Protein backbone atom coordinates (compact mmCIF):
# COMPACT_ATOMS: atom_id res chain seq x y z
CA MET A 1 120.33 100.35 83.16
CA SER A 2 122.01 98.68 86.17
CA LYS A 3 120.01 96.27 88.34
CA LYS A 4 120.25 98.77 91.19
CA GLY A 5 118.96 101.61 89.00
CA SER A 6 116.22 99.39 87.57
CA ALA A 7 115.09 98.35 91.06
CA HIS A 8 115.01 101.99 92.15
CA SER A 9 112.89 103.03 89.17
CA GLN A 10 110.54 100.09 89.84
CA ASP A 11 110.13 101.22 93.47
CA LEU A 12 109.28 104.74 92.27
CA LEU A 13 106.77 103.33 89.78
CA LYS A 14 105.14 101.19 92.47
CA TYR A 15 104.99 104.12 94.90
CA GLN A 16 103.32 106.32 92.27
CA LYS A 17 100.79 103.65 91.32
CA LEU A 18 99.92 102.99 94.95
CA TYR A 19 99.58 106.70 95.66
CA ASN A 20 97.31 107.21 92.61
CA TRP A 21 95.18 104.23 93.62
CA CYS A 22 94.77 105.48 97.19
CA ARG A 23 94.09 109.05 96.10
CA THR A 24 91.39 107.97 93.62
CA LEU A 25 89.73 105.74 96.23
CA ILE A 26 89.45 108.77 98.50
CA THR A 27 88.53 111.54 96.05
CA SER A 28 85.98 109.37 94.23
CA GLY A 29 84.17 108.63 97.48
CA VAL A 30 84.74 104.86 97.46
CA ILE A 31 86.20 105.39 100.93
CA LYS A 32 84.37 108.25 102.64
CA ASN A 33 85.60 111.04 104.91
CA LYS A 34 86.41 109.74 108.44
CA ASP A 35 86.31 106.09 107.28
CA LYS A 36 89.22 103.90 108.35
CA PHE A 37 91.90 103.56 105.67
CA PRO A 38 93.82 100.31 105.03
CA SER A 39 96.92 99.97 107.22
CA GLU A 40 100.52 99.63 106.04
CA ASN A 41 100.40 95.88 106.69
CA ILE A 42 97.17 95.42 104.71
CA LEU A 43 98.53 97.40 101.74
CA GLN A 44 101.81 95.46 101.87
CA LYS A 45 99.95 92.17 101.80
CA LYS A 46 97.51 93.27 99.09
CA PHE A 47 100.13 94.57 96.64
CA GLY A 48 103.27 92.70 97.69
CA TYR A 49 105.17 96.01 97.92
CA SER A 50 107.95 96.74 100.40
CA ARG A 51 107.17 98.51 103.68
CA GLN A 52 109.18 101.51 102.47
CA THR A 53 107.17 101.81 99.22
CA VAL A 54 103.86 101.69 101.12
CA ARG A 55 105.10 104.12 103.77
CA THR A 56 106.26 106.61 101.10
CA ALA A 57 102.82 106.56 99.45
CA LEU A 58 101.01 107.01 102.79
CA ASN A 59 103.35 109.85 103.80
CA GLN A 60 102.49 111.65 100.55
CA LEU A 61 98.76 111.14 101.15
CA GLU A 62 99.16 112.57 104.64
CA GLU A 63 101.10 115.57 103.33
CA ASP A 64 98.29 116.17 100.82
CA GLY A 65 95.72 116.18 103.63
CA LEU A 66 93.90 113.09 102.34
CA ILE A 67 94.54 110.87 105.38
CA VAL A 68 95.34 111.38 109.05
CA ARG A 69 97.11 108.91 111.35
CA VAL A 70 95.74 108.54 114.87
CA LYS A 71 98.21 106.92 117.26
CA GLY A 72 96.88 103.70 118.71
CA SER A 73 93.80 103.78 116.48
CA GLY A 74 94.85 103.68 112.83
CA THR A 75 94.68 105.70 109.63
CA TYR A 76 91.54 107.60 108.59
CA VAL A 77 90.35 109.49 105.53
CA SER A 78 90.39 113.23 106.09
CA TYR A 79 88.98 114.38 102.77
CA GLU A 80 85.61 115.99 102.25
CA ASN A 81 84.64 116.94 98.72
CA LYS A 82 83.76 120.59 99.17
CA ASN A 83 83.13 120.96 95.44
CA GLU A 84 80.32 118.40 95.52
CA ASP A 85 77.02 119.96 94.61
CA LYS A 86 73.99 117.93 95.66
CA GLY A 87 71.90 119.87 93.16
CA LYS A 88 73.94 118.71 90.19
CA PRO A 89 72.70 115.86 87.97
CA ARG A 90 74.30 112.55 88.97
CA VAL A 91 75.36 109.29 87.36
CA GLY A 92 76.03 106.05 89.21
CA LEU A 93 79.22 104.04 88.71
CA ILE A 94 79.33 100.44 90.01
CA LEU A 95 82.69 98.66 89.76
CA SER A 96 83.54 95.10 90.71
CA TYR A 97 87.13 95.94 91.74
CA PHE A 98 89.40 98.89 92.31
CA SER A 99 92.65 97.31 91.08
CA ASP A 100 95.73 99.44 91.54
CA TYR A 101 96.63 99.79 87.87
CA LEU A 102 93.23 100.01 86.13
CA PHE A 103 90.83 101.75 88.49
CA PRO A 104 92.51 105.20 88.74
CA ARG A 105 92.97 105.64 84.98
CA VAL A 106 89.52 104.32 84.01
CA TYR A 107 87.86 106.47 86.67
CA ASP A 108 89.86 109.53 85.58
CA GLY A 109 88.62 109.01 82.01
CA ILE A 110 84.99 108.83 83.13
CA GLU A 111 85.34 111.79 85.49
CA SER A 112 87.07 114.01 82.90
CA VAL A 113 84.02 113.78 80.61
CA MET A 114 81.28 113.83 83.26
CA THR A 115 82.57 116.79 85.28
CA GLU A 116 83.07 118.80 82.11
CA LYS A 117 79.35 118.31 81.41
CA GLY A 118 78.39 119.19 84.98
CA TYR A 119 77.68 115.70 86.36
CA GLU A 120 78.63 114.31 89.77
CA ILE A 121 79.53 110.60 90.05
CA ASP A 122 78.31 108.25 92.80
CA VAL A 123 80.80 105.36 93.02
CA ALA A 124 80.28 101.92 94.57
CA VAL A 125 82.54 98.84 94.54
CA THR A 126 81.02 95.36 94.86
CA LYS A 127 84.30 93.44 95.47
CA ASN A 128 82.77 90.91 93.07
CA ARG A 129 79.89 90.07 95.43
CA LEU A 130 76.43 89.81 93.89
CA ASN A 131 74.70 90.66 97.16
CA ASP A 132 76.66 93.90 97.28
CA GLU A 133 75.71 94.64 93.68
CA ALA A 134 72.02 94.25 94.59
CA MET A 135 72.44 96.55 97.60
CA TYR A 136 74.14 99.27 95.55
CA LEU A 137 71.65 98.99 92.69
CA GLU A 138 68.76 99.41 95.12
CA GLY A 139 70.46 102.42 96.67
CA LEU A 140 71.15 104.06 93.31
CA LEU A 141 67.62 103.34 92.08
CA SER A 142 66.27 105.25 95.07
CA SER A 143 68.35 108.28 93.96
CA ASN A 144 67.43 110.55 91.11
CA LEU A 145 70.09 109.32 88.67
CA SER A 146 70.51 110.42 85.07
CA GLY A 147 72.42 107.30 84.05
CA LEU A 148 74.39 104.25 85.16
CA ILE A 149 77.79 102.77 84.30
CA ILE A 150 78.23 99.21 85.56
CA GLU A 151 81.11 96.76 85.63
CA GLY A 152 79.54 93.33 85.96
CA THR A 153 80.04 91.27 89.12
CA ARG A 154 81.02 87.62 88.50
CA SER A 155 80.17 88.44 84.91
CA SER A 156 80.91 85.03 83.41
CA PHE A 157 77.74 83.74 85.12
CA PRO A 158 74.09 84.73 84.52
CA ASN A 159 73.21 87.56 86.89
CA PRO A 160 70.55 86.85 89.56
CA ASN A 161 69.57 90.50 90.12
CA ILE A 162 67.08 90.28 87.24
CA ARG A 163 64.34 92.20 89.08
CA LEU A 164 66.61 95.22 89.55
CA TYR A 165 67.78 95.28 85.94
CA ASN A 166 64.18 95.00 84.78
CA GLU A 167 63.41 98.00 86.99
CA ILE A 168 66.23 99.97 85.35
CA ARG A 169 64.68 99.34 81.94
CA LYS A 170 61.19 100.09 83.23
CA ARG A 171 62.35 103.47 84.54
CA ASN A 172 64.26 104.06 81.29
CA ILE A 173 67.54 104.88 83.07
CA PRO A 174 70.30 104.90 80.41
CA THR A 175 72.74 102.14 81.43
CA LEU A 176 76.04 101.15 79.89
CA PHE A 177 78.32 98.30 80.95
CA ILE A 178 82.08 98.74 81.12
CA HIS A 179 84.76 96.00 80.75
CA ASN A 180 82.13 93.26 80.42
CA HIS A 181 78.41 92.45 80.31
CA TYR A 182 76.08 89.72 81.57
CA PRO A 183 75.07 86.78 79.35
CA ASN A 184 71.43 87.12 80.50
CA GLN A 185 71.12 90.92 80.30
CA LYS A 186 70.81 92.91 77.08
CA PHE A 187 72.63 96.16 77.81
CA ASP A 188 75.25 97.76 75.56
CA SER A 189 78.87 97.75 76.73
CA VAL A 190 82.29 99.29 76.17
CA GLU A 191 85.01 96.63 76.35
CA MET A 192 88.32 95.34 75.13
CA SER A 193 88.05 92.79 72.33
CA ASP A 194 88.97 90.05 74.81
CA ALA A 195 88.33 86.97 72.65
CA ARG A 196 90.31 88.51 69.79
CA ALA A 197 93.07 89.43 72.23
CA GLY A 198 93.23 85.83 73.46
CA TYR A 199 93.49 84.66 69.85
CA GLU A 200 96.28 87.12 69.01
CA THR A 201 98.36 86.24 72.09
CA ALA A 202 98.28 82.54 71.16
CA LYS A 203 99.06 83.40 67.54
CA ILE A 204 102.22 85.30 68.52
CA LEU A 205 103.45 82.33 70.54
CA ILE A 206 102.70 79.88 67.74
CA GLN A 207 104.45 82.08 65.17
CA ASN A 208 107.52 82.05 67.43
CA GLY A 209 107.63 78.25 67.36
CA HIS A 210 105.80 77.43 70.60
CA ARG A 211 103.59 74.34 70.59
CA ARG A 212 103.44 73.51 74.30
CA ILE A 213 101.41 76.50 75.45
CA GLY A 214 99.79 76.71 78.88
CA GLY A 215 97.68 79.36 80.53
CA ILE A 216 96.37 80.78 83.79
CA PHE A 217 92.85 82.19 83.43
CA LYS A 218 90.22 83.66 85.76
CA TYR A 219 86.88 81.88 85.49
CA ASP A 220 84.44 84.14 87.34
CA ASP A 221 84.52 87.12 85.01
CA MET A 222 83.75 87.43 81.33
CA GLN A 223 87.20 88.79 80.44
CA GLY A 224 88.85 85.56 81.59
CA MET A 225 86.44 83.33 79.72
CA GLU A 226 86.64 85.40 76.53
CA ARG A 227 90.45 85.40 76.60
CA TYR A 228 90.41 81.62 77.08
CA LYS A 229 87.89 81.26 74.23
CA GLY A 230 90.14 83.14 71.82
CA PHE A 231 93.16 81.14 72.96
CA ILE A 232 91.60 77.72 72.28
CA GLU A 233 90.16 78.88 68.93
CA CYS A 234 93.65 79.88 67.83
CA LEU A 235 95.13 76.54 68.91
CA SER A 236 92.46 74.77 66.85
CA ASP A 237 93.00 76.97 63.77
CA TYR A 238 96.76 76.28 63.82
CA GLY A 239 96.46 72.60 64.68
CA VAL A 240 98.27 72.97 68.01
CA LYS A 241 97.63 70.39 70.74
CA PHE A 242 95.44 71.37 73.70
CA ASP A 243 96.24 69.79 77.07
CA ASP A 244 93.88 70.06 80.06
CA ASP A 245 96.74 69.94 82.54
CA TRP A 246 98.38 72.98 80.99
CA ILE A 247 95.38 75.22 81.78
CA ARG A 248 95.08 76.48 85.36
CA TRP A 249 92.11 78.42 86.76
CA TYR A 250 91.43 80.75 89.68
CA SER A 251 88.60 82.99 90.92
CA THR A 252 88.23 86.12 93.02
CA LYS A 253 87.66 84.09 96.18
CA ASP A 254 90.74 81.89 95.88
CA MET A 255 93.04 84.35 94.09
CA GLU A 256 95.28 84.99 97.10
CA GLU A 257 95.77 81.26 97.70
CA LYS A 258 96.23 80.33 94.02
CA LEU A 259 98.78 83.12 93.39
CA SER A 260 100.77 82.38 96.55
CA LYS A 261 104.14 80.63 96.21
CA LYS A 262 102.54 77.29 97.13
CA GLY A 263 99.67 77.85 94.72
CA LEU A 264 101.98 78.81 91.86
CA MET A 265 104.15 75.77 92.59
CA ARG A 266 101.11 73.52 92.15
CA MET A 267 100.35 75.23 88.84
CA TYR A 268 103.99 74.99 87.74
CA ARG A 269 104.15 71.24 88.39
CA ARG A 270 101.35 70.79 85.85
CA THR A 271 102.74 73.24 83.30
CA LYS A 272 106.54 72.81 83.60
CA ASP A 273 106.73 71.07 80.20
CA CYS A 274 105.30 74.19 78.51
CA THR A 275 107.62 76.55 76.69
CA ALA A 276 105.17 79.46 76.98
CA MET A 277 102.34 80.65 79.21
CA ILE A 278 99.40 82.99 78.54
CA LEU A 279 98.50 84.80 81.75
CA TYR A 280 95.13 86.37 82.58
CA ASN A 281 96.58 89.82 83.33
CA ASP A 282 99.78 91.60 84.30
CA GLU A 283 99.10 91.17 88.01
CA VAL A 284 99.27 87.39 87.50
CA ALA A 285 102.30 87.86 85.24
CA GLU A 286 104.12 89.77 87.95
CA HIS A 287 103.50 87.00 90.50
CA TYR A 288 104.55 84.35 87.99
CA MET A 289 107.76 86.15 86.98
CA GLU A 290 108.79 86.46 90.63
CA PHE A 291 108.04 82.77 91.14
CA LEU A 292 110.16 81.75 88.14
CA GLU A 293 112.98 84.03 89.26
CA ASP A 294 112.97 82.43 92.71
CA ARG A 295 113.40 79.05 90.99
CA GLY A 296 116.35 80.33 88.96
CA LEU A 297 114.38 80.36 85.70
CA LYS A 298 114.68 83.23 83.25
CA VAL A 299 112.07 84.91 81.06
CA PRO A 300 112.11 84.48 78.09
CA ASP A 301 115.12 82.11 77.93
CA ASP A 302 113.51 79.35 79.98
CA MET A 303 109.84 80.35 79.67
CA SER A 304 108.03 82.79 77.39
CA LEU A 305 105.21 84.82 78.91
CA ILE A 306 102.45 86.90 77.34
CA SER A 307 99.72 88.77 79.17
CA PHE A 308 96.95 91.37 79.10
CA ASP A 309 96.45 94.99 80.27
CA ASP A 310 99.92 96.56 79.75
CA ALA A 311 99.99 97.58 83.41
CA GLU A 312 103.76 98.26 83.48
CA LEU A 313 103.97 96.02 86.54
CA ALA A 314 105.54 92.79 85.36
CA GLN A 315 109.17 93.74 84.76
CA SER A 316 112.31 92.04 85.96
CA GLY A 317 115.55 93.77 85.04
CA ASP A 318 115.59 94.23 81.28
CA VAL A 319 112.55 92.00 80.68
CA LYS A 320 109.18 93.60 79.99
CA VAL A 321 106.16 91.34 79.62
CA LEU A 322 104.59 91.43 76.17
CA SER A 323 101.02 92.43 76.91
CA VAL A 324 97.77 93.43 75.19
CA VAL A 325 97.23 97.15 75.73
CA HIS A 326 94.24 98.02 77.91
CA PRO A 327 92.83 101.44 76.85
CA LYS A 328 92.30 102.46 80.52
CA TYR A 329 91.77 106.26 80.39
CA ASN A 330 90.34 106.16 76.87
CA LEU A 331 87.98 103.34 77.83
CA GLY A 332 86.62 105.56 80.60
CA ARG A 333 86.20 108.52 78.25
CA VAL A 334 84.44 106.50 75.52
CA THR A 335 82.09 104.99 78.11
CA ALA A 336 81.22 108.40 79.54
CA ARG A 337 80.70 109.97 76.11
CA ASN A 338 78.45 107.12 74.99
CA LEU A 339 76.42 107.36 78.19
CA LEU A 340 75.95 111.10 77.62
CA ARG A 341 74.63 110.36 74.13
CA MET A 342 72.27 107.74 75.57
CA MET A 343 70.97 110.23 78.15
CA GLU A 344 70.02 112.56 75.31
CA ASP A 345 68.31 109.76 73.38
CA PRO A 346 64.81 108.78 74.60
CA ASP A 347 65.02 105.70 72.36
CA TRP A 348 68.39 104.49 73.75
CA GLN A 349 67.03 101.00 74.47
CA ASN A 350 66.59 100.38 70.75
CA LYS A 351 69.96 101.80 69.65
CA ASN A 352 73.50 100.41 69.76
CA TYR A 353 75.99 102.28 71.97
CA SER A 354 78.50 99.44 72.35
CA HIS A 355 82.19 99.83 71.51
CA ARG A 356 85.06 97.34 71.17
CA PHE A 357 88.68 98.48 71.17
CA PRO A 358 91.07 96.97 68.60
CA VAL A 359 93.83 94.65 69.85
CA THR A 360 97.27 96.25 70.18
CA PHE A 361 100.41 95.14 72.04
CA ASN A 362 103.08 96.96 74.01
CA ASP A 363 106.79 96.65 73.22
CA GLY A 364 107.45 93.76 75.62
CA ASN A 365 110.29 91.31 75.07
CA SER A 366 109.13 88.30 77.11
CA VAL A 367 108.55 85.91 74.15
CA LYS A 368 111.49 83.92 72.75
CA ASP A 369 111.61 82.75 69.13
CA ILE A 370 112.30 79.00 69.37
CA ARG A 371 111.64 78.06 65.74
CA SER A 372 115.26 77.03 65.21
CA GLN A 373 115.05 74.74 68.26
CA ALA A 374 111.85 73.18 66.95
C-alpha cells in the first residue's frame, strides 16, 4: 500500500473509532441529553487527530441526530433513550475511563448480554478520581440495583471507600470488578492476565536478542503495575540486566505532560541506549512512534517496540506494533454473564466468579531480531 493510501485508511480508521466512542458515550448515558458535548478543539487535543477527522465524526453524529450544534453556544447532546424502561431491573457500571479504543467495545459486550436478559445499565465514569467513585457508589446504592460492575479507580493503591464497599457486601449486591481489582477489597474480577502478558512481552524481546530493554509504565492502576511485575520477573529469569534509568513512569494526572513531545524527549534521553521498549498500551505506543519518526528513527530498524491492547492505533506505514490482544467485546460479555450467574446465586460471596484471559499477540512487526548483531 502506498503511503498516501495508508494515510487515508488510517484517517478512516480514526474517524470510525472517534465516531464509535462518541456514539457510545451518548447512547450509554455517560453524557446525558442536552448536556454540552466536547468541542472540535477539545477532541483534537484529546486524541491528536486532525481537524478534518474530528469534523467528519461530528458531522456523522449530527446526521444521526445524536448531537446538535448551536451557533455561538456549542455542541449539545440531542439523544433521549426512548427505549429506557424505568421499571426494568438495573445494573450499575462504574468505569474509570472511557478511552476511545476500549470503552465502546467493552460496553457493547456488557450491553449485548444485559439487554438480552432485560436489564438496563446505569453508567458512571470516575475519570480516575476516588471522590467521584464515592459519589457514584452512594448514588447507585440509593437505587434499587440488581448488581454492580466496577472498574477500579487508581487501582494500584488501596481503596479508601471501604465503608461503601462494606455496605455493598452487607446488602448482598452481587459485584464484579472488570479490568482490575483493589488490593484491599475481596471481590471477584474479570481481567487480562497482565503480569503474564508483561512476562511474555519481555520474553519475545529477549528471544530476539535484545538485552537493553526499557519501558514506559503507568503507576496508578493495577494493569500498569502487573505488566511491570511480569516484565522484571522475566528479566530476572533470563539473567538480563535491569536499569532504573530505562524505566519511565506516568500517571493519569500527568499523562498529557509526560506524553507530550517535551515529556517523551526527557524519557528518550534516559532510554536512548535501549534497543527495545515495552510500552504500557497502544495509546502510548502511538505517541512514541510519532516521536521517533519526528527524530528520523525507524521502528523496528532503530528501535523495537512492543505494547498491550491491540488497539489498531499505533501504525506507521507498513509497521504495525506487536501488541498483546485485549479481549474487549468478549471481556464485556464474560463479565456480564458472570454477573448474571452471581445475581442468581444467593451464596455468591463464597463462590469464585473470576476469569483471566490467556495471553495472545496480534500479527505486529515492530520487533527486530538482532541476534546476529549481538
